Amino acid sequence: MLDELEKDGIETELIQLAGETLSGCKACYKCAENRDQKCAVEKDRVNEYIAKMQQSEGILFGSPTYISDMTANMKALIERATIVSRSNGDLFKRKVGAAVIAVRRAGSTHVLSSMNYFFLINQMMIPGSSYWNMGIGRNPEK
């Protein structure tokens, strides 16, 4: 996906959440109190990712489907980024957002919907498609 965007002159940066330990939102609302565009939890890299998302023109999320849902790290990022964004004047408003889902069987539409909800609550624009953005395959080598 990133190669295709770069062919059109769109600069991209890949950030892998795999192997990290991100915690979900604790609903402390310190971000709303501090209004410094950061999550009060600083033990992981979420604030770095929020800053990169804020500086970008668009956000592309990708996740495998684990038990009909996105990965725990992606969910943690989405939770915390949403509360920080909404508490600081909608940091991602009018950016373009898209999601790509990898799936072996069922469950992918829920992941796609969850990611699209992030884009929508953050007042982002979601480009249309001729079909849902999912790659299905059990054995990619075949």
N, C-alpha and C. Protein backbone atom coordinates (compact mmCIF):
# COMPACT_ATOMS: atom_id res chain seq x y z
N MET A 1 0.82 -1.19 0.00
CA MET A 1 0.00 0.00 0.00
C MET A 1 0.87 1.26 0.00
N LEU A 2 1.89 1.26 0.84
CA LEU A 2 2.75 2.44 0.91
C LEU A 2 3.52 2.65 -0.39
N ASP A 3 3.94 1.56 -1.03
CA ASP A 3 4.63 1.66 -2.31
C ASP A 3 3.74 2.33 -3.35
N GLU A 4 2.48 1.98 -3.36
CA GLU A 4 1.54 2.58 -4.32
C GLU A 4 1.37 4.08 -4.07
N LEU A 5 1.29 4.46 -2.81
CA LEU A 5 1.17 5.88 -2.48
C LEU A 5 2.42 6.64 -2.89
N GLU A 6 3.58 6.04 -2.64
CA GLU A 6 4.84 6.70 -2.98
C GLU A 6 5.01 6.84 -4.50
N LYS A 7 4.46 5.90 -5.27
CA LYS A 7 4.48 6.03 -6.74
C LYS A 7 3.77 7.30 -7.19
N ASP A 8 2.77 7.73 -6.41
CA ASP A 8 2.02 8.94 -6.73
C ASP A 8 2.61 10.18 -6.06
N GLY A 9 3.83 10.05 -5.50
CA GLY A 9 4.50 11.19 -4.91
C GLY A 9 4.05 11.51 -3.49
N ILE A 10 3.37 10.58 -2.85
CA ILE A 10 2.92 10.81 -1.48
C ILE A 10 3.95 10.23 -0.53
N GLU A 11 4.51 11.07 0.31
CA GLU A 11 5.52 10.62 1.28
C GLU A 11 4.84 9.83 2.38
N THR A 12 5.44 8.70 2.74
CA THR A 12 4.87 7.85 3.77
C THR A 12 5.91 7.50 4.83
N GLU A 13 5.42 7.09 5.97
CA GLU A 13 6.27 6.56 7.04
C GLU A 13 5.55 5.38 7.67
N LEU A 14 6.21 4.26 7.75
CA LEU A 14 5.64 3.06 8.36
C LEU A 14 6.02 3.01 9.84
N ILE A 15 5.02 2.86 10.67
CA ILE A 15 5.23 2.69 12.11
C ILE A 15 4.62 1.36 12.49
N GLN A 16 5.44 0.48 13.01
CA GLN A 16 5.00 -0.85 13.42
C GLN A 16 4.70 -0.84 14.92
N LEU A 17 3.51 -1.26 15.29
CA LEU A 17 3.16 -1.37 16.70
C LEU A 17 3.47 -2.75 17.26
N ALA A 18 3.69 -3.71 16.37
CA ALA A 18 4.00 -5.07 16.82
C ALA A 18 5.27 -5.06 17.66
N GLY A 19 5.24 -5.80 18.75
CA GLY A 19 6.39 -5.88 19.63
C GLY A 19 6.44 -4.80 20.69
N GLU A 20 5.56 -3.83 20.60
CA GLU A 20 5.49 -2.79 21.63
C GLU A 20 4.46 -3.18 22.67
N THR A 21 4.49 -2.49 23.79
CA THR A 21 3.48 -2.68 24.82
C THR A 21 2.82 -1.34 25.06
N LEU A 22 1.66 -1.15 24.46
CA LEU A 22 0.91 0.09 24.61
C LEU A 22 -0.29 -0.19 25.51
N SER A 23 -0.56 0.72 26.41
CA SER A 23 -1.71 0.54 27.29
C SER A 23 -2.88 1.38 26.78
N GLY A 24 -4.07 0.88 27.05
CA GLY A 24 -5.27 1.59 26.64
C GLY A 24 -5.51 2.83 27.50
N CYS A 25 -6.52 3.59 27.11
CA CYS A 25 -6.87 4.82 27.83
C CYS A 25 -7.34 4.46 29.24
N LYS A 26 -6.88 5.24 30.22
CA LYS A 26 -7.27 5.03 31.62
C LYS A 26 -8.43 5.94 32.02
N ALA A 27 -8.90 6.76 31.09
CA ALA A 27 -9.99 7.71 31.33
C ALA A 27 -9.69 8.64 32.51
N CYS A 28 -8.43 9.06 32.61
CA CYS A 28 -8.04 10.00 33.67
C CYS A 28 -8.38 11.44 33.27
N TYR A 29 -8.51 11.68 31.99
CA TYR A 29 -8.83 12.98 31.40
C TYR A 29 -7.83 14.08 31.74
N LYS A 30 -6.60 13.67 32.04
CA LYS A 30 -5.54 14.66 32.25
C LYS A 30 -5.24 15.40 30.95
N CYS A 31 -5.43 14.72 29.82
CA CYS A 31 -5.20 15.38 28.53
C CYS A 31 -6.17 16.54 28.34
N ALA A 32 -7.38 16.40 28.83
CA ALA A 32 -8.36 17.49 28.74
C ALA A 32 -8.02 18.61 29.71
N GLU A 33 -7.49 18.22 30.85
CA GLU A 33 -7.08 19.21 31.86
C GLU A 33 -5.83 19.96 31.42
N ASN A 34 -4.82 19.23 30.92
CA ASN A 34 -3.54 19.83 30.53
C ASN A 34 -3.61 20.54 29.19
N ARG A 35 -4.40 20.02 28.28
CA ARG A 35 -4.55 20.58 26.92
C ARG A 35 -3.20 20.86 26.26
N ASP A 36 -2.29 19.89 26.38
CA ASP A 36 -0.96 20.04 25.80
C ASP A 36 -0.74 19.09 24.61
N GLN A 37 -1.84 18.56 24.09
CA GLN A 37 -1.82 17.66 22.93
C GLN A 37 -1.09 16.36 23.20
N LYS A 38 -1.06 15.97 24.47
CA LYS A 38 -0.38 14.74 24.87
C LYS A 38 -1.24 13.95 25.85
N CYS A 39 -1.01 12.65 25.84
CA CYS A 39 -1.59 11.77 26.84
C CYS A 39 -0.73 11.87 28.10
N ALA A 40 -1.34 11.86 29.27
CA ALA A 40 -0.59 11.94 30.52
C ALA A 40 0.23 10.68 30.78
N VAL A 41 -0.15 9.57 30.17
CA VAL A 41 0.63 8.34 30.32
C VAL A 41 1.85 8.45 29.41
N GLU A 42 3.03 8.38 29.97
CA GLU A 42 4.25 8.59 29.20
C GLU A 42 5.18 7.39 29.21
N LYS A 43 4.70 6.22 29.58
CA LYS A 43 5.57 5.05 29.68
C LYS A 43 5.75 4.31 28.36
N ASP A 44 5.10 4.79 27.30
CA ASP A 44 5.23 4.16 25.99
C ASP A 44 5.36 5.25 24.93
N ARG A 45 5.23 4.88 23.67
CA ARG A 45 5.49 5.82 22.57
C ARG A 45 4.22 6.45 21.98
N VAL A 46 3.09 6.33 22.66
CA VAL A 46 1.84 6.85 22.10
C VAL A 46 1.92 8.34 21.80
N ASN A 47 2.52 9.13 22.67
CA ASN A 47 2.61 10.57 22.41
C ASN A 47 3.43 10.88 21.16
N GLU A 48 4.46 10.10 20.93
CA GLU A 48 5.24 10.23 19.69
C GLU A 48 4.35 9.96 18.47
N TYR A 49 3.53 8.94 18.57
CA TYR A 49 2.64 8.59 17.45
C TYR A 49 1.55 9.63 17.25
N ILE A 50 1.01 10.14 18.33
CA ILE A 50 0.00 11.19 18.22
C ILE A 50 0.59 12.42 17.54
N ALA A 51 1.80 12.79 17.89
CA ALA A 51 2.46 13.94 17.26
C ALA A 51 2.66 13.70 15.77
N LYS A 52 3.08 12.49 15.39
CA LYS A 52 3.26 12.17 13.97
C LYS A 52 1.93 12.21 13.23
N MET A 53 0.88 11.71 13.86
CA MET A 53 -0.45 11.74 13.25
C MET A 53 -0.92 13.18 13.07
N GLN A 54 -0.63 14.01 14.05
CA GLN A 54 -1.03 15.41 13.98
C GLN A 54 -0.29 16.14 12.86
N GLN A 55 0.98 15.82 12.66
CA GLN A 55 1.78 16.48 11.63
C GLN A 55 1.47 15.99 10.22
N SER A 56 0.84 14.84 10.10
CA SER A 56 0.59 14.26 8.79
C SER A 56 -0.64 14.87 8.12
N GLU A 57 -0.73 14.65 6.82
CA GLU A 57 -1.92 15.07 6.09
C GLU A 57 -2.97 13.97 6.06
N GLY A 58 -2.51 12.73 6.27
CA GLY A 58 -3.42 11.60 6.26
C GLY A 58 -2.91 10.50 7.17
N ILE A 59 -3.83 9.65 7.58
CA ILE A 59 -3.50 8.54 8.48
C ILE A 59 -4.02 7.26 7.87
N LEU A 60 -3.14 6.29 7.71
CA LEU A 60 -3.50 4.98 7.19
C LEU A 60 -3.25 3.96 8.29
N PHE A 61 -4.30 3.30 8.74
CA PHE A 61 -4.17 2.26 9.75
C PHE A 61 -4.22 0.91 9.09
N GLY A 62 -3.46 -0.03 9.58
CA GLY A 62 -3.51 -1.42 9.13
C GLY A 62 -3.45 -2.34 10.33
N SER A 63 -4.19 -3.43 10.26
CA SER A 63 -4.16 -4.38 11.37
C SER A 63 -4.58 -5.75 10.87
N PRO A 64 -3.94 -6.78 11.42
CA PRO A 64 -4.50 -8.11 11.23
C PRO A 64 -5.76 -8.23 12.08
N THR A 65 -6.55 -9.23 11.79
CA THR A 65 -7.76 -9.48 12.56
C THR A 65 -7.47 -10.55 13.59
N TYR A 66 -7.59 -10.19 14.84
CA TYR A 66 -7.39 -11.12 15.95
C TYR A 66 -8.72 -11.29 16.68
N ILE A 67 -9.30 -12.46 16.59
CA ILE A 67 -10.57 -12.77 17.25
C ILE A 67 -11.61 -11.69 16.95
N SER A 68 -11.79 -11.41 15.68
CA SER A 68 -12.75 -10.44 15.16
C SER A 68 -12.50 -9.01 15.64
N ASP A 69 -11.25 -8.68 15.91
CA ASP A 69 -10.94 -7.32 16.34
C ASP A 69 -9.53 -6.95 15.90
N MET A 70 -9.20 -5.67 16.04
CA MET A 70 -7.85 -5.20 15.75
C MET A 70 -6.91 -5.65 16.87
N THR A 71 -5.63 -5.46 16.67
CA THR A 71 -4.67 -5.83 17.71
C THR A 71 -4.87 -4.93 18.94
N ALA A 72 -4.42 -5.43 20.08
CA ALA A 72 -4.53 -4.66 21.32
C ALA A 72 -3.75 -3.36 21.25
N ASN A 73 -2.59 -3.38 20.61
CA ASN A 73 -1.80 -2.15 20.49
C ASN A 73 -2.51 -1.11 19.63
N MET A 74 -3.14 -1.55 18.53
CA MET A 74 -3.88 -0.61 17.69
C MET A 74 -5.06 -0.03 18.46
N LYS A 75 -5.75 -0.85 19.20
CA LYS A 75 -6.88 -0.38 20.00
C LYS A 75 -6.41 0.64 21.03
N ALA A 76 -5.28 0.38 21.69
CA ALA A 76 -4.74 1.32 22.67
C ALA A 76 -4.41 2.66 22.03
N LEU A 77 -3.77 2.62 20.87
CA LEU A 77 -3.43 3.86 20.15
C LEU A 77 -4.69 4.63 19.79
N ILE A 78 -5.68 3.94 19.26
CA ILE A 78 -6.92 4.60 18.85
C ILE A 78 -7.64 5.21 20.05
N GLU A 79 -7.71 4.48 21.15
CA GLU A 79 -8.38 5.02 22.35
C GLU A 79 -7.71 6.30 22.82
N ARG A 80 -6.42 6.23 23.01
CA ARG A 80 -5.71 7.37 23.58
C ARG A 80 -5.61 8.54 22.61
N ALA A 81 -5.37 8.26 21.35
CA ALA A 81 -5.30 9.34 20.35
C ALA A 81 -6.63 10.06 20.22
N THR A 82 -7.72 9.33 20.31
CA THR A 82 -9.04 9.96 20.19
C THR A 82 -9.30 10.91 21.35
N ILE A 83 -9.03 10.47 22.56
CA ILE A 83 -9.31 11.34 23.71
C ILE A 83 -8.39 12.56 23.70
N VAL A 84 -7.12 12.37 23.36
CA VAL A 84 -6.20 13.51 23.27
C VAL A 84 -6.67 14.47 22.18
N SER A 85 -7.02 13.95 21.02
CA SER A 85 -7.47 14.79 19.91
C SER A 85 -8.71 15.60 20.28
N ARG A 86 -9.70 14.91 20.80
CA ARG A 86 -10.97 15.58 21.13
C ARG A 86 -10.82 16.56 22.28
N SER A 87 -9.86 16.32 23.16
CA SER A 87 -9.64 17.21 24.30
C SER A 87 -8.80 18.43 23.93
N ASN A 88 -8.27 18.43 22.72
CA ASN A 88 -7.38 19.51 22.28
C ASN A 88 -7.84 20.12 20.97
N GLY A 89 -9.12 20.26 20.79
CA GLY A 89 -9.65 20.95 19.62
C GLY A 89 -9.67 20.12 18.35
N ASP A 90 -9.77 18.81 18.47
CA ASP A 90 -9.86 17.91 17.30
C ASP A 90 -8.62 18.00 16.42
N LEU A 91 -7.53 17.42 16.90
CA LEU A 91 -6.22 17.51 16.25
C LEU A 91 -6.19 16.93 14.84
N PHE A 92 -7.06 15.98 14.56
CA PHE A 92 -7.01 15.28 13.26
C PHE A 92 -8.12 15.73 12.31
N LYS A 93 -8.84 16.74 12.66
CA LYS A 93 -9.97 17.23 11.87
C LYS A 93 -9.54 17.55 10.44
N ARG A 94 -10.31 17.06 9.50
CA ARG A 94 -10.15 17.27 8.05
C ARG A 94 -8.94 16.56 7.44
N LYS A 95 -8.29 15.69 8.18
CA LYS A 95 -7.25 14.85 7.59
C LYS A 95 -7.93 13.68 6.88
N VAL A 96 -7.21 13.06 5.98
CA VAL A 96 -7.72 11.87 5.29
C VAL A 96 -7.36 10.65 6.13
N GLY A 97 -8.30 9.73 6.26
CA GLY A 97 -8.05 8.50 7.01
C GLY A 97 -8.52 7.28 6.24
N ALA A 98 -7.73 6.23 6.28
CA ALA A 98 -8.11 4.98 5.62
C ALA A 98 -7.57 3.81 6.43
N ALA A 99 -8.24 2.68 6.30
CA ALA A 99 -7.84 1.47 7.02
C ALA A 99 -7.70 0.31 6.04
N VAL A 100 -6.72 -0.54 6.31
CA VAL A 100 -6.51 -1.76 5.54
C VAL A 100 -6.44 -2.91 6.53
N ILE A 101 -7.19 -3.96 6.27
CA ILE A 101 -7.33 -5.06 7.21
C ILE A 101 -6.84 -6.36 6.58
N ALA A 102 -6.08 -7.12 7.35
CA ALA A 102 -5.65 -8.46 6.93
C ALA A 102 -6.46 -9.48 7.73
N VAL A 103 -6.94 -10.50 7.05
CA VAL A 103 -7.83 -11.47 7.70
C VAL A 103 -7.65 -12.85 7.10
N ARG A 104 -7.79 -13.85 7.92
CA ARG A 104 -7.77 -15.23 7.43
C ARG A 104 -9.19 -15.72 7.18
N ARG A 105 -10.11 -15.32 8.05
CA ARG A 105 -11.52 -15.73 7.91
C ARG A 105 -12.41 -14.53 8.21
N ALA A 106 -13.41 -14.75 9.02
CA ALA A 106 -14.39 -13.71 9.35
C ALA A 106 -13.82 -12.71 10.35
N GLY A 107 -14.56 -11.66 10.58
CA GLY A 107 -14.20 -10.69 11.60
C GLY A 107 -13.64 -9.39 11.07
N SER A 108 -13.28 -9.37 9.82
CA SER A 108 -12.59 -8.19 9.28
C SER A 108 -13.50 -6.97 9.18
N THR A 109 -14.77 -7.15 8.93
CA THR A 109 -15.64 -5.98 8.80
C THR A 109 -15.75 -5.23 10.12
N HIS A 110 -15.68 -5.96 11.23
CA HIS A 110 -15.71 -5.29 12.54
C HIS A 110 -14.45 -4.44 12.73
N VAL A 111 -13.30 -4.96 12.34
CA VAL A 111 -12.04 -4.20 12.46
C VAL A 111 -12.10 -2.95 11.60
N LEU A 112 -12.54 -3.11 10.36
CA LEU A 112 -12.66 -1.97 9.46
C LEU A 112 -13.61 -0.92 10.04
N SER A 113 -14.74 -1.36 10.56
CA SER A 113 -15.70 -0.42 11.15
C SER A 113 -15.10 0.31 12.34
N SER A 114 -14.40 -0.41 13.21
CA SER A 114 -13.80 0.22 14.39
C SER A 114 -12.80 1.30 13.98
N MET A 115 -11.98 1.01 12.99
CA MET A 115 -11.02 2.01 12.54
C MET A 115 -11.72 3.19 11.88
N ASN A 116 -12.76 2.91 11.12
CA ASN A 116 -13.51 4.00 10.50
C ASN A 116 -14.20 4.87 11.54
N TYR A 117 -14.63 4.27 12.65
CA TYR A 117 -15.22 5.07 13.73
C TYR A 117 -14.20 6.06 14.28
N PHE A 118 -12.94 5.64 14.38
CA PHE A 118 -11.88 6.57 14.80
C PHE A 118 -11.84 7.76 13.86
N PHE A 119 -11.82 7.50 12.56
CA PHE A 119 -11.75 8.58 11.59
C PHE A 119 -12.97 9.50 11.69
N LEU A 120 -14.13 8.89 11.83
CA LEU A 120 -15.35 9.69 11.86
C LEU A 120 -15.48 10.54 13.12
N ILE A 121 -15.20 9.98 14.29
CA ILE A 121 -15.34 10.77 15.52
C ILE A 121 -14.30 11.89 15.56
N ASN A 122 -13.20 11.71 14.84
CA ASN A 122 -12.17 12.74 14.77
C ASN A 122 -12.37 13.69 13.59
N GLN A 123 -13.54 13.63 12.97
CA GLN A 123 -13.94 14.53 11.89
C GLN A 123 -12.99 14.47 10.70
N MET A 124 -12.57 13.26 10.39
CA MET A 124 -11.67 13.04 9.26
C MET A 124 -12.46 12.64 8.02
N MET A 125 -11.79 12.67 6.89
CA MET A 125 -12.41 12.27 5.62
C MET A 125 -11.96 10.85 5.27
N ILE A 126 -12.91 10.00 4.91
CA ILE A 126 -12.61 8.63 4.53
C ILE A 126 -12.88 8.48 3.03
N PRO A 127 -11.85 8.19 2.23
CA PRO A 127 -12.09 8.01 0.79
C PRO A 127 -12.91 6.75 0.55
N GLY A 128 -13.73 6.80 -0.45
CA GLY A 128 -14.53 5.63 -0.81
C GLY A 128 -13.70 4.60 -1.55
N SER A 129 -14.28 3.45 -1.74
CA SER A 129 -13.62 2.35 -2.42
C SER A 129 -14.67 1.54 -3.15
N SER A 130 -14.23 0.70 -4.06
CA SER A 130 -15.19 -0.15 -4.75
C SER A 130 -15.53 -1.39 -3.92
N TYR A 131 -14.76 -1.60 -2.84
CA TYR A 131 -15.02 -2.71 -1.93
C TYR A 131 -14.30 -2.41 -0.63
N TRP A 132 -14.55 -3.20 0.39
CA TRP A 132 -13.89 -2.98 1.68
C TRP A 132 -12.41 -3.29 1.55
N ASN A 133 -11.60 -2.57 2.30
CA ASN A 133 -10.13 -2.67 2.21
C ASN A 133 -9.60 -3.82 3.06
N MET A 134 -9.80 -5.04 2.56
CA MET A 134 -9.39 -6.24 3.29
C MET A 134 -8.62 -7.17 2.39
N GLY A 135 -7.55 -7.73 2.93
CA GLY A 135 -6.80 -8.76 2.22
C GLY A 135 -7.06 -10.10 2.89
N ILE A 136 -7.61 -11.05 2.14
CA ILE A 136 -7.99 -12.35 2.72
C ILE A 136 -7.06 -13.43 2.18
N GLY A 137 -6.54 -14.22 3.10
CA GLY A 137 -5.68 -15.31 2.67
C GLY A 137 -5.19 -16.12 3.84
N ARG A 138 -5.24 -17.42 3.71
CA ARG A 138 -4.77 -18.28 4.77
C ARG A 138 -3.29 -18.61 4.62
N ASN A 139 -2.89 -18.90 3.40
CA ASN A 139 -1.51 -19.27 3.12
C ASN A 139 -0.97 -18.35 2.05
N PRO A 140 -0.37 -17.21 2.45
CA PRO A 140 0.07 -16.23 1.45
C PRO A 140 1.12 -16.76 0.46
N GLU A 141 1.83 -17.81 0.83
CA GLU A 141 2.85 -18.35 -0.08
C GLU A 141 2.24 -19.10 -1.25
N LYS A 142 0.97 -19.44 -1.20
CA LYS A 142 0.32 -20.20 -2.29
C LYS A 142 -0.43 -19.30 -3.21
